[in-house]
PDB file of N, CA and C in Angstrom:
ATOM      1  N   UNK A   1       4.809 -21.525 -22.971  1.00  0.00           N
ATOM      2  CA  UNK A   1       4.832 -22.217 -21.703  1.00  0.00           C
ATOM      3  C   UNK A   1       5.646 -21.449 -20.671  1.00  0.00           C
ATOM      4  N   UNK A   2       6.828 -20.962 -21.069  1.00  0.00           N
ATOM      5  CA  UNK A   2       7.655 -20.194 -20.143  1.00  0.00           C
ATOM      6  C   UNK A   2       6.936 -18.909 -19.759  1.00  0.00           C
ATOM      7  N   UNK A   3       6.206 -18.312 -20.705  1.00  0.00           N
ATOM      8  CA  UNK A   3       5.465 -17.091 -20.453  1.00  0.00           C
ATOM      9  C   UNK A   3       4.417 -17.298 -19.361  1.00  0.00           C
ATOM     10  N   UNK A   4       3.754 -18.472 -19.365  1.00  0.00           N
ATOM     11  CA  UNK A   4       2.759 -18.775 -18.340  1.00  0.00           C
ATOM     12  C   UNK A   4       3.400 -18.888 -16.959  1.00  0.00           C
ATOM     13  N   UNK A   5       4.575 -19.506 -16.869  1.00  0.00           N
ATOM     14  CA  UNK A   5       5.255 -19.614 -15.579  1.00  0.00           C
ATOM     15  C   UNK A   5       5.706 -18.246 -15.081  1.00  0.00           C
ATOM     16  N   UNK A   6       6.145 -17.407 -15.994  1.00  0.00           N
ATOM     17  CA  UNK A   6       6.539 -16.057 -15.620  1.00  0.00           C
ATOM     18  C   UNK A   6       5.327 -15.271 -15.126  1.00  0.00           C
ATOM     19  N   UNK A   7       4.208 -15.426 -15.789  1.00  0.00           N
ATOM     20  CA  UNK A   7       2.968 -14.773 -15.379  1.00  0.00           C
ATOM     21  C   UNK A   7       2.560 -15.228 -13.980  1.00  0.00           C
ATOM     22  N   UNK A   8       2.613 -16.516 -13.732  1.00  0.00           N
ATOM     23  CA  UNK A   8       2.252 -17.054 -12.416  1.00  0.00           C
ATOM     24  C   UNK A   8       3.201 -16.525 -11.346  1.00  0.00           C
ATOM     25  N   UNK A   9       4.476 -16.459 -11.639  1.00  0.00           N
ATOM     26  CA  UNK A   9       5.461 -15.930 -10.694  1.00  0.00           C
ATOM     27  C   UNK A   9       5.184 -14.457 -10.376  1.00  0.00           C
ATOM     28  N   UNK A  10       4.895 -13.666 -11.398  1.00  0.00           N
ATOM     29  CA  UNK A  10       4.594 -12.242 -11.184  1.00  0.00           C
ATOM     30  C   UNK A  10       3.345 -12.082 -10.328  1.00  0.00           C
ATOM     31  N   UNK A  11       2.319 -12.829 -10.617  1.00  0.00           N
ATOM     32  CA  UNK A  11       1.080 -12.737  -9.846  1.00  0.00           C
ATOM     33  C   UNK A  11       1.286 -13.198  -8.402  1.00  0.00           C
ATOM     34  N   UNK A  12       2.070 -14.237  -8.204  1.00  0.00           N
ATOM     35  CA  UNK A  12       2.333 -14.726  -6.849  1.00  0.00           C
ATOM     36  C   UNK A  12       3.067 -13.687  -6.024  1.00  0.00           C
ATOM     37  N   UNK A  13       4.069 -13.071  -6.611  1.00  0.00           N
ATOM     38  CA  UNK A  13       4.821 -12.033  -5.896  1.00  0.00           C
ATOM     39  C   UNK A  13       3.922 -10.835  -5.605  1.00  0.00           C
ATOM     40  N   UNK A  14       3.058 -10.475  -6.529  1.00  0.00           N
ATOM     41  CA  UNK A  14       2.130  -9.362  -6.300  1.00  0.00           C
ATOM     42  C   UNK A  14       1.211  -9.650  -5.125  1.00  0.00           C
ATOM     43  N   UNK A  15       0.650 -10.837  -5.085  1.00  0.00           N
ATOM     44  CA  UNK A  15      -0.275 -11.137  -4.007  1.00  0.00           C
ATOM     45  C   UNK A  15       0.433 -11.344  -2.671  1.00  0.00           C
ATOM     46  N   UNK A  16       1.665 -11.804  -2.680  1.00  0.00           N
ATOM     47  CA  UNK A  16       2.442 -11.856  -1.437  1.00  0.00           C
ATOM     48  C   UNK A  16       2.652 -10.437  -0.910  1.00  0.00           C
ATOM     49  N   UNK A  17       2.949  -9.509  -1.804  1.00  0.00           N
ATOM     50  CA  UNK A  17       3.106  -8.110  -1.414  1.00  0.00           C
ATOM     51  C   UNK A  17       1.811  -7.550  -0.839  1.00  0.00           C
ATOM     52  N   UNK A  18       0.699  -7.893  -1.460  1.00  0.00           N
ATOM     53  CA  UNK A  18      -0.597  -7.419  -0.972  1.00  0.00           C
ATOM     54  C   UNK A  18      -0.869  -7.947   0.424  1.00  0.00           C
ATOM     55  N   UNK A  19      -0.662  -9.234   0.633  1.00  0.00           N
ATOM     56  CA  UNK A  19      -0.928  -9.811   1.948  1.00  0.00           C
ATOM     57  C   UNK A  19       0.009  -9.230   3.010  1.00  0.00           C
ATOM     58  N   UNK A  20       1.256  -8.989   2.648  1.00  0.00           N
ATOM     59  CA  UNK A  20       2.185  -8.370   3.591  1.00  0.00           C
ATOM     60  C   UNK A  20       1.748  -6.951   3.923  1.00  0.00           C
ATOM     61  N   UNK A  21       1.304  -6.210   2.924  1.00  0.00           N
ATOM     62  CA  UNK A  21       0.825  -4.849   3.153  1.00  0.00           C
ATOM     63  C   UNK A  21      -0.414  -4.821   4.026  1.00  0.00           C
ATOM     64  N   UNK A  22      -1.341  -5.698   3.759  1.00  0.00           N
ATOM     65  CA  UNK A  22      -2.564  -5.762   4.561  1.00  0.00           C
ATOM     66  C   UNK A  22      -2.237  -6.179   5.990  1.00  0.00           C
ATOM     67  N   UNK A  23      -1.348  -7.144   6.163  1.00  0.00           N
ATOM     68  CA  UNK A  23      -0.940  -7.558   7.519  1.00  0.00           C
ATOM     69  C   UNK A  23      -0.282  -6.407   8.261  1.00  0.00           C
ATOM     70  N   UNK A  24       0.598  -5.669   7.588  1.00  0.00           N
ATOM     71  CA  UNK A  24       1.251  -4.522   8.234  1.00  0.00           C
ATOM     72  C   UNK A  24       0.222  -3.472   8.627  1.00  0.00           C
ATOM     73  N   UNK A  25      -0.740  -3.201   7.748  1.00  0.00           N
ATOM     74  CA  UNK A  25      -1.771  -2.210   8.056  1.00  0.00           C
ATOM     75  C   UNK A  25      -2.613  -2.639   9.254  1.00  0.00           C
ATOM     76  N   UNK A  26      -2.984  -3.906   9.317  1.00  0.00           N
ATOM     77  CA  UNK A  26      -3.789  -4.398  10.440  1.00  0.00           C
ATOM     78  C   UNK A  26      -3.004  -4.307  11.742  1.00  0.00           C
ATOM     79  N   UNK A  27      -1.746  -4.700  11.706  1.00  0.00           N
ATOM     80  CA  UNK A  27      -0.911  -4.620  12.917  1.00  0.00           C
ATOM     81  C   UNK A  27      -0.781  -3.173  13.374  1.00  0.00           C
ATOM     82  N   UNK A  28      -0.551  -2.273  12.433  1.00  0.00           N
ATOM     83  CA  UNK A  28      -0.392  -0.864  12.791  1.00  0.00           C
ATOM     84  C   UNK A  28      -1.695  -0.267  13.312  1.00  0.00           C
ATOM     85  N   UNK A  29      -2.826  -0.681  12.771  1.00  0.00           N
ATOM     86  CA  UNK A  29      -4.113  -0.167  13.238  1.00  0.00           C
ATOM     87  C   UNK A  29      -4.465  -0.668  14.637  1.00  0.00           C
ATOM     88  N   UNK A  30      -3.939  -1.809  15.029  1.00  0.00           N
ATOM     89  CA  UNK A  30      -4.281  -2.397  16.318  1.00  0.00           C
ATOM     90  C   UNK A  30      -3.422  -1.872  17.457  1.00  0.00           C
ATOM     91  N   UNK A  31      -2.442  -1.026  17.162  1.00  0.00           N
ATOM     92  CA  UNK A  31      -1.586  -0.494  18.220  1.00  0.00           C
ATOM     93  C   UNK A  31      -2.389   0.507  19.036  1.00  0.00           C
ATOM     94  N   UNK A  32      -2.537   0.220  20.311  1.00  0.00           N
ATOM     95  CA  UNK A  32      -3.314   1.071  21.213  1.00  0.00           C
ATOM     96  C   UNK A  32      -2.445   1.747  22.259  1.00  0.00           C
ATOM     97  N   UNK A  33      -1.217   1.293  22.408  1.00  0.00           N
ATOM     98  CA  UNK A  33      -0.373   1.830  23.465  1.00  0.00           C
ATOM     99  C   UNK A  33      -0.095   3.300  23.209  1.00  0.00           C
ATOM    100  N   UNK A  34      -0.168   4.047  24.267  1.00  0.00           N
ATOM    101  CA  UNK A  34       0.015   5.484  24.161  1.00  0.00           C
ATOM    102  C   UNK A  34       1.450   5.852  24.525  1.00  0.00           C
ATOM    103  N   UNK A  35       2.011   6.717  23.741  1.00  0.00           N
ATOM    104  CA  UNK A  35       3.317   7.293  24.037  1.00  0.00           C
ATOM    105  C   UNK A  35       3.108   8.786  24.067  1.00  0.00           C
ATOM    106  N   UNK A  36       3.343   9.387  25.197  1.00  0.00           N
ATOM    107  CA  UNK A  36       3.076  10.816  25.324  1.00  0.00           C
ATOM    108  C   UNK A  36       1.587  11.040  25.242  1.00  0.00           C
ATOM    109  N   UNK A  37       1.130  11.648  24.175  1.00  0.00           N
ATOM    110  CA  UNK A  37      -0.297  11.938  24.012  1.00  0.00           C
ATOM    111  C   UNK A  37      -0.929  11.068  22.931  1.00  0.00           C
ATOM    112  N   UNK A  38      -0.397   9.912  22.702  1.00  0.00           N
ATOM    113  CA  UNK A  38      -0.932   9.008  21.683  1.00  0.00           C
ATOM    114  C   UNK A  38      -0.401   9.311  20.300  1.00  0.00           C
ATOM    115  N   UNK A  39       0.767   9.935  20.234  1.00  0.00           N
ATOM    116  CA  UNK A  39       1.338  10.363  18.957  1.00  0.00           C
ATOM    117  C   UNK A  39       1.650   9.175  18.054  1.00  0.00           C
ATOM    118  N   UNK A  40       2.280   8.161  18.601  1.00  0.00           N
ATOM    119  CA  UNK A  40       2.656   7.020  17.757  1.00  0.00           C
ATOM    120  C   UNK A  40       1.436   6.262  17.262  1.00  0.00           C
ATOM    121  N   UNK A  41       0.433   6.074  18.123  1.00  0.00           N
ATOM    122  CA  UNK A  41      -0.754   5.327  17.715  1.00  0.00           C
ATOM    123  C   UNK A  41      -1.481   6.048  16.588  1.00  0.00           C
ATOM    124  N   UNK A  42      -1.651   7.361  16.697  1.00  0.00           N
ATOM    125  CA  UNK A  42      -2.352   8.085  15.632  1.00  0.00           C
ATOM    126  C   UNK A  42      -1.512   8.126  14.361  1.00  0.00           C
ATOM    127  N   UNK A  43      -0.191   8.260  14.491  1.00  0.00           N
ATOM    128  CA  UNK A  43       0.675   8.244  13.316  1.00  0.00           C
ATOM    129  C   UNK A  43       0.660   6.905  12.627  1.00  0.00           C
ATOM    130  N   UNK A  44       0.654   5.821  13.398  1.00  0.00           N
ATOM    131  CA  UNK A  44       0.604   4.488  12.819  1.00  0.00           C
ATOM    132  C   UNK A  44      -0.707   4.287  12.058  1.00  0.00           C
ATOM    133  N   UNK A  45      -1.796   4.827  12.563  1.00  0.00           N
ATOM    134  CA  UNK A  45      -3.078   4.662  11.879  1.00  0.00           C
ATOM    135  C   UNK A  45      -3.083   5.384  10.539  1.00  0.00           C
ATOM    136  N   UNK A  46      -2.467   6.550  10.493  1.00  0.00           N
ATOM    137  CA  UNK A  46      -2.385   7.281   9.227  1.00  0.00           C
ATOM    138  C   UNK A  46      -1.511   6.531   8.232  1.00  0.00           C
ATOM    139  N   UNK A  47      -0.371   6.053   8.688  1.00  0.00           N
ATOM    140  CA  UNK A  47       0.536   5.305   7.813  1.00  0.00           C
ATOM    141  C   UNK A  47      -0.126   4.001   7.366  1.00  0.00           C
ATOM    142  N   UNK A  48      -0.884   3.358   8.248  1.00  0.00           N
ATOM    143  CA  UNK A  48      -1.576   2.117   7.903  1.00  0.00           C
ATOM    144  C   UNK A  48      -2.589   2.351   6.790  1.00  0.00           C
ATOM    145  N   UNK A  49      -3.262   3.495   6.804  1.00  0.00           N
ATOM    146  CA  UNK A  49      -4.189   3.814   5.726  1.00  0.00           C
ATOM    147  C   UNK A  49      -3.442   3.913   4.397  1.00  0.00           C
ATOM    148  N   UNK A  50      -2.285   4.559   4.408  1.00  0.00           N
ATOM    149  CA  UNK A  50      -1.475   4.661   3.196  1.00  0.00           C
ATOM    150  C   UNK A  50      -1.019   3.305   2.696  1.00  0.00           C
ATOM    151  N   UNK A  51      -0.616   2.447   3.610  1.00  0.00           N
ATOM    152  CA  UNK A  51      -0.187   1.096   3.234  1.00  0.00           C
ATOM    153  C   UNK A  51      -1.354   0.322   2.623  1.00  0.00           C
ATOM    154  N   UNK A  52      -2.537   0.487   3.191  1.00  0.00           N
ATOM    155  CA  UNK A  52      -3.721  -0.172   2.643  1.00  0.00           C
ATOM    156  C   UNK A  52      -4.036   0.294   1.227  1.00  0.00           C
ATOM    157  N   UNK A  53      -3.903   1.608   0.981  1.00  0.00           N
ATOM    158  CA  UNK A  53      -4.147   2.131  -0.367  1.00  0.00           C
ATOM    159  C   UNK A  53      -3.144   1.573  -1.369  1.00  0.00           C
ATOM    160  N   UNK A  54      -1.892   1.471  -0.962  1.00  0.00           N
ATOM    161  CA  UNK A  54      -0.881   0.906  -1.856  1.00  0.00           C
ATOM    162  C   UNK A  54      -1.159  -0.578  -2.117  1.00  0.00           C
ATOM    163  N   UNK A  55      -1.611  -1.307  -1.098  1.00  0.00           N
ATOM    164  CA  UNK A  55      -1.947  -2.730  -1.291  1.00  0.00           C
ATOM    165  C   UNK A  55      -3.092  -2.884  -2.291  1.00  0.00           C
ATOM    166  N   UNK A  56      -4.087  -2.017  -2.206  1.00  0.00           N
ATOM    167  CA  UNK A  56      -5.181  -2.070  -3.171  1.00  0.00           C
ATOM    168  C   UNK A  56      -4.670  -1.726  -4.572  1.00  0.00           C
ATOM    169  N   UNK A  57      -3.738  -0.785  -4.653  1.00  0.00           N
ATOM    170  CA  UNK A  57      -3.123  -0.454  -5.936  1.00  0.00           C
ATOM    171  C   UNK A  57      -2.382  -1.634  -6.537  1.00  0.00           C
ATOM    172  N   UNK A  58      -1.724  -2.422  -5.695  1.00  0.00           N
ATOM    173  CA  UNK A  58      -1.027  -3.614  -6.177  1.00  0.00           C
ATOM    174  C   UNK A  58      -2.029  -4.633  -6.723  1.00  0.00           C
ATOM    175  N   UNK A  59      -3.191  -4.722  -6.092  1.00  0.00           N
ATOM    176  CA  UNK A  59      -4.233  -5.623  -6.599  1.00  0.00           C
ATOM    177  C   UNK A  59      -4.669  -5.180  -7.998  1.00  0.00           C
ATOM    178  N   UNK A  60      -4.883  -3.870  -8.176  1.00  0.00           N
ATOM    179  CA  UNK A  60      -5.256  -3.369  -9.502  1.00  0.00           C
ATOM    180  C   UNK A  60      -4.147  -3.628 -10.515  1.00  0.00           C
ATOM    181  N   UNK A  61      -2.895  -3.521 -10.081  1.00  0.00           N
ATOM    182  CA  UNK A  61      -1.778  -3.816 -10.973  1.00  0.00           C
ATOM    183  C   UNK A  61      -1.795  -5.285 -11.398  1.00  0.00           C
ATOM    184  N   UNK A  62      -2.091  -6.162 -10.460  1.00  0.00           N
ATOM    185  CA  UNK A  62      -2.165  -7.591 -10.785  1.00  0.00           C
ATOM    186  C   UNK A  62      -3.312  -7.865 -11.756  1.00  0.00           C
ATOM    187  N   UNK A  63      -4.461  -7.202 -11.555  1.00  0.00           N
ATOM    188  CA  UNK A  63      -5.569  -7.356 -12.494  1.00  0.00           C
ATOM    189  C   UNK A  63      -5.181  -6.865 -13.888  1.00  0.00           C
ATOM    190  N   UNK A  64      -4.446  -5.770 -13.928  1.00  0.00           N
ATOM    191  CA  UNK A  64      -4.013  -5.230 -15.220  1.00  0.00           C
ATOM    192  C   UNK A  64      -3.140  -6.240 -15.962  1.00  0.00           C
ATOM    193  N   UNK A  65      -2.175  -6.824 -15.262  1.00  0.00           N
ATOM    194  CA  UNK A  65      -1.305  -7.829 -15.887  1.00  0.00           C
ATOM    195  C   UNK A  65      -2.128  -9.046 -16.313  1.00  0.00           C
ATOM    196  N   UNK A  66      -3.067  -9.445 -15.489  1.00  0.00           N
ATOM    197  CA  UNK A  66      -3.918 -10.591 -15.801  1.00  0.00           C
ATOM    198  C   UNK A  66      -4.712 -10.342 -17.086  1.00  0.00           C
ATOM    199  N   UNK A  67      -5.377  -9.190 -17.165  1.00  0.00           N
ATOM    200  CA  UNK A  67      -6.182  -8.905 -18.347  1.00  0.00           C
ATOM    201  C   UNK A  67      -5.325  -8.707 -19.587  1.00  0.00           C
ATOM    202  N   UNK A  68      -4.132  -8.163 -19.431  1.00  0.00           N
ATOM    203  CA  UNK A  68      -3.234  -8.032 -20.576  1.00  0.00           C
ATOM    204  C   UNK A  68      -2.832  -9.398 -21.101  1.00  0.00           C
ATOM    205  N   UNK A  69      -2.600 -10.336 -20.202  1.00  0.00           N
ATOM    206  CA  UNK A  69      -2.161 -11.666 -20.600  1.00  0.00           C
ATOM    207  C   UNK A  69      -3.312 -12.489 -21.171  1.00  0.00           C
ATOM    208  N   UNK A  70      -4.442 -12.481 -20.487  1.00  0.00           N
ATOM    209  CA  UNK A  70      -5.563 -13.323 -20.901  1.00  0.00           C
ATOM    210  C   UNK A  70      -6.217 -12.808 -22.188  1.00  0.00           C
ATOM    211  N   UNK A  71      -6.472 -11.510 -22.251  1.00  0.00           N
ATOM    212  CA  UNK A  71      -7.202 -10.944 -23.389  1.00  0.00           C
ATOM    213  C   UNK A  71      -6.292 -10.294 -24.418  1.00  0.00           C
ATOM    214  N   UNK A  72      -4.995 -10.430 -24.242  1.00  0.00           N
ATOM    215  CA  UNK A  72      -4.006  -9.860 -25.156  1.00  0.00           C
ATOM    216  C   UNK A  72      -4.206  -8.361 -25.388  1.00  0.00           C
ATOM    217  N   UNK A  73      -4.542  -7.660 -24.306  1.00  0.00           N
ATOM    218  CA  UNK A  73      -4.702  -6.211 -24.388  1.00  0.00           C
ATOM    219  C   UNK A  73      -3.332  -5.555 -24.251  1.00  0.00           C
ATOM    220  N   UNK A  74      -3.114  -4.494 -24.979  1.00  0.00           N
ATOM    221  CA  UNK A  74      -1.833  -3.802 -24.857  1.00  0.00           C
ATOM    222  C   UNK A  74      -1.781  -3.019 -23.548  1.00  0.00           C
ATOM    223  N   UNK A  75      -2.897  -2.418 -23.154  1.00  0.00           N
ATOM    224  CA  UNK A  75      -2.987  -1.726 -21.876  1.00  0.00           C
ATOM    225  C   UNK A  75      -4.455  -1.534 -21.528  1.00  0.00           C
ATOM    226  N   UNK A  76      -4.707  -1.246 -20.272  1.00  0.00           N
ATOM    227  CA  UNK A  76      -6.056  -0.957 -19.814  1.00  0.00           C
ATOM    228  C   UNK A  76      -6.023   0.392 -19.103  1.00  0.00           C
ATOM    229  N   UNK A  77      -6.510   1.431 -19.738  1.00  0.00           N
ATOM    230  CA  UNK A  77      -6.434   2.768 -19.136  1.00  0.00           C
ATOM    231  C   UNK A  77      -7.119   2.858 -17.782  1.00  0.00           C
ATOM    232  N   UNK A  78      -8.224   2.135 -17.599  1.00  0.00           N
ATOM    233  CA  UNK A  78      -8.934   2.184 -16.322  1.00  0.00           C
ATOM    234  C   UNK A  78      -8.057   1.670 -15.191  1.00  0.00           C
ATOM    235  N   UNK A  79      -7.477   0.478 -15.374  1.00  0.00           N
ATOM    236  CA  UNK A  79      -6.652  -0.098 -14.318  1.00  0.00           C
ATOM    237  C   UNK A  79      -5.395   0.733 -14.065  1.00  0.00           C
ATOM    238  N   UNK A  80      -4.819   1.275 -15.125  1.00  0.00           N
ATOM    239  CA  UNK A  80      -3.630   2.109 -14.964  1.00  0.00           C
ATOM    240  C   UNK A  80      -3.971   3.360 -14.159  1.00  0.00           C
ATOM    241  N   UNK A  81      -5.081   4.011 -14.496  1.00  0.00           N
ATOM    242  CA  UNK A  81      -5.479   5.236 -13.796  1.00  0.00           C
ATOM    243  C   UNK A  81      -5.777   4.970 -12.320  1.00  0.00           C
ATOM    244  N   UNK A  82      -6.555   3.929 -12.056  1.00  0.00           N
ATOM    245  CA  UNK A  82      -6.913   3.609 -10.664  1.00  0.00           C
ATOM    246  C   UNK A  82      -5.664   3.233  -9.871  1.00  0.00           C
ATOM    247  N   UNK A  83      -4.809   2.425 -10.472  1.00  0.00           N
ATOM    248  CA  UNK A  83      -3.574   2.006  -9.798  1.00  0.00           C
ATOM    249  C   UNK A  83      -2.708   3.205  -9.453  1.00  0.00           C
ATOM    250  N   UNK A  84      -2.501   4.082 -10.402  1.00  0.00           N
ATOM    251  CA  UNK A  84      -1.641   5.240 -10.170  1.00  0.00           C
ATOM    252  C   UNK A  84      -2.228   6.179  -9.135  1.00  0.00           C
ATOM    253  N   UNK A  85      -3.537   6.367  -9.154  1.00  0.00           N
ATOM    254  CA  UNK A  85      -4.185   7.219  -8.141  1.00  0.00           C
ATOM    255  C   UNK A  85      -4.028   6.611  -6.759  1.00  0.00           C
ATOM    256  N   UNK A  86      -4.224   5.303  -6.640  1.00  0.00           N
ATOM    257  CA  UNK A  86      -4.059   4.643  -5.337  1.00  0.00           C
ATOM    258  C   UNK A  86      -2.619   4.715  -4.848  1.00  0.00           C
ATOM    259  N   UNK A  87      -1.651   4.505  -5.752  1.00  0.00           N
ATOM    260  CA  UNK A  87      -0.243   4.620  -5.362  1.00  0.00           C
ATOM    261  C   UNK A  87       0.073   6.037  -4.904  1.00  0.00           C
ATOM    262  N   UNK A  88      -0.435   7.026  -5.623  1.00  0.00           N
ATOM    263  CA  UNK A  88      -0.182   8.419  -5.274  1.00  0.00           C
ATOM    264  C   UNK A  88      -0.797   8.770  -3.917  1.00  0.00           C
ATOM    265  N   UNK A  89      -2.061   8.415  -3.727  1.00  0.00           N
ATOM    266  CA  UNK A  89      -2.722   8.704  -2.447  1.00  0.00           C
ATOM    267  C   UNK A  89      -2.077   7.944  -1.294  1.00  0.00           C
ATOM    268  N   UNK A  90      -1.723   6.686  -1.517  1.00  0.00           N
ATOM    269  CA  UNK A  90      -1.086   5.894  -0.467  1.00  0.00           C
ATOM    270  C   UNK A  90       0.262   6.457  -0.066  1.00  0.00           C
ATOM    271  N   UNK A  91       1.071   6.803  -1.046  1.00  0.00           N
ATOM    272  CA  UNK A  91       2.392   7.370  -0.754  1.00  0.00           C
ATOM    273  C   UNK A  91       2.256   8.716  -0.054  1.00  0.00           C
ATOM    274  N   UNK A  92       1.342   9.545  -0.539  1.00  0.00           N
ATOM    275  CA  UNK A  92       1.114  10.859   0.073  1.00  0.00           C
ATOM    276  C   UNK A  92       0.668  10.699   1.526  1.00  0.00           C
ATOM    277  N   UNK A  93      -0.238   9.770   1.783  1.00  0.00           N
ATOM    278  CA  UNK A  93      -0.732   9.541   3.144  1.00  0.00           C
ATOM    279  C   UNK A  93       0.388   9.070   4.062  1.00  0.00           C
ATOM    280  N   UNK A  94       1.239   8.188   3.576  1.00  0.00           N
ATOM    281  CA  UNK A  94       2.361   7.706   4.386  1.00  0.00           C
ATOM    282  C   UNK A  94       3.323   8.844   4.701  1.00  0.00           C
ATOM    283  N   UNK A  95       3.645   9.661   3.712  1.00  0.00           N
ATOM    284  CA  UNK A  95       4.581  10.770   3.929  1.00  0.00           C
ATOM    285  C   UNK A  95       4.006  11.773   4.920  1.00  0.00           C
ATOM    286  N   UNK A  96       2.748  12.147   4.744  1.00  0.00           N
ATOM    287  CA  UNK A  96       2.124  13.123   5.636  1.00  0.00           C
ATOM    288  C   UNK A  96       2.021  12.556   7.055  1.00  0.00           C
ATOM    289  N   UNK A  97       1.609  11.307   7.186  1.00  0.00           N
ATOM    290  CA  UNK A  97       1.519  10.691   8.514  1.00  0.00           C
ATOM    291  C   UNK A  97       2.868  10.593   9.194  1.00  0.00           C
ATOM    292  N   UNK A  98       3.894  10.245   8.441  1.00  0.00           N
ATOM    293  CA  UNK A  98       5.241  10.147   9.012  1.00  0.00           C
ATOM    294  C   UNK A  98       5.758  11.516   9.422  1.00  0.00           C
ATOM    295  N   UNK A  99       5.509  12.532   8.609  1.00  0.00           N
ATOM    296  CA  UNK A  99       5.971  13.884   8.924  1.00  0.00           C
ATOM    297  C   UNK A  99       5.281  14.418  10.168  1.00  0.00           C
ATOM    298  N   UNK A 100       3.967  14.236  10.250  1.00  0.00           N
ATOM    299  CA  UNK A 100       3.231  14.699  11.433  1.00  0.00           C
ATOM    300  C   UNK A 100       3.726  13.996  12.684  1.00  0.00           C
ATOM    301  N   UNK A 101       3.948  12.696  12.596  1.00  0.00           N
ATOM    302  CA  UNK A 101       4.436  11.943  13.747  1.00  0.00           C
ATOM    303  C   UNK A 101       5.824  12.424  14.147  1.00  0.00           C
ATOM    304  N   UNK A 102       6.697  12.614  13.160  1.00  0.00           N
ATOM    305  CA  UNK A 102       8.048  13.116  13.444  1.00  0.00           C
ATOM    306  C   UNK A 102       8.024  14.493  14.073  1.00  0.00           C
ATOM    307  N   UNK A 103       7.180  15.374  13.547  1.00  0.00           N
ATOM    308  CA  UNK A 103       7.076  16.720  14.109  1.00  0.00           C
ATOM    309  C   UNK A 103       6.568  16.686  15.547  1.00  0.00           C
ATOM    310  N   UNK A 104       5.565  15.860  15.792  1.00  0.00           N
ATOM    311  CA  UNK A 104       5.023  15.755  17.154  1.00  0.00           C
ATOM    312  C   UNK A 104       6.042  15.169  18.120  1.00  0.00           C
ATOM    313  N   UNK A 105       6.793  14.157  17.674  1.00  0.00           N
ATOM    314  CA  UNK A 105       7.822  13.578  18.542  1.00  0.00           C
ATOM    315  C   UNK A 105       8.935  14.593  18.806  1.00  0.00           C
ATOM    316  N   UNK A 106       9.275  15.365  17.792  1.00  0.00           N
ATOM    317  CA  UNK A 106      10.322  16.378  17.963  1.00  0.00           C
ATOM    318  C   UNK A 106       9.871  17.445  18.952  1.00  0.00           C
ATOM    319  N   UNK A 107       8.584  17.810  18.926  1.00  0.00           N
ATOM    320  CA  UNK A 107       8.088  18.821  19.873  1.00  0.00           C
ATOM    321  C   UNK A 107       8.099  18.290  21.303  1.00  0.00           C
ATOM    322  N   UNK A 108       7.968  16.977  21.471  1.00  0.00           N
ATOM    323  CA  UNK A 108       8.029  16.403  22.822  1.00  0.00           C
ATOM    324  C   UNK A 108       9.453  16.445  23.386  1.00  0.00           C
ATOM    325  N   UNK A 109      10.421  16.279  22.507  1.00  0.00           N
ATOM    326  CA  UNK A 109      11.809  16.229  22.938  1.00  0.00           C
ATOM    327  C   UNK A 109      12.317  17.618  23.301  1.00  0.00           C
ATOM    328  N   UNK A 110      11.878  18.620  22.547  1.00  0.00           N
ATOM    329  CA  UNK A 110      12.356  19.995  22.804  1.00  0.00           C
ATOM    330  C   UNK A 110      11.664  20.638  23.939  1.00  0.00           C
TER     331      UNK A 110
END
C-alpha cells in the first residue's frame, strides 16, 4: 500500500515537471521582442527546444517507472535508451543555445 502511494507521488512530481517544462518552452517560443538583432528571441527558441526535449525525456522516464511497477520489470532498455538520448540532446541544445546567445550578446557590448 505504501509502495502505491510512493509510486503515485513519483508520477505526480514527474508530470508536474513535464507541464512546467512545456509551459516554459511555450513561453520562450512566443517571445517576439527584438533586442539588437533578435539575439534573445532566437536564443530563447533554441533553449525552448532543449527544454521540450527534456520534458519528453521525463515522460519516457515516467513510463519506465510505470511499466516497472505494473509489470514487475527490472528495467526496460527501450525506455532507458530513449530517455537518455532525449536528455542528452535536450541538455546539449540548451548549452549550445545559451553559449551562442552569450557570445552574440558579448559581441554587442564590445
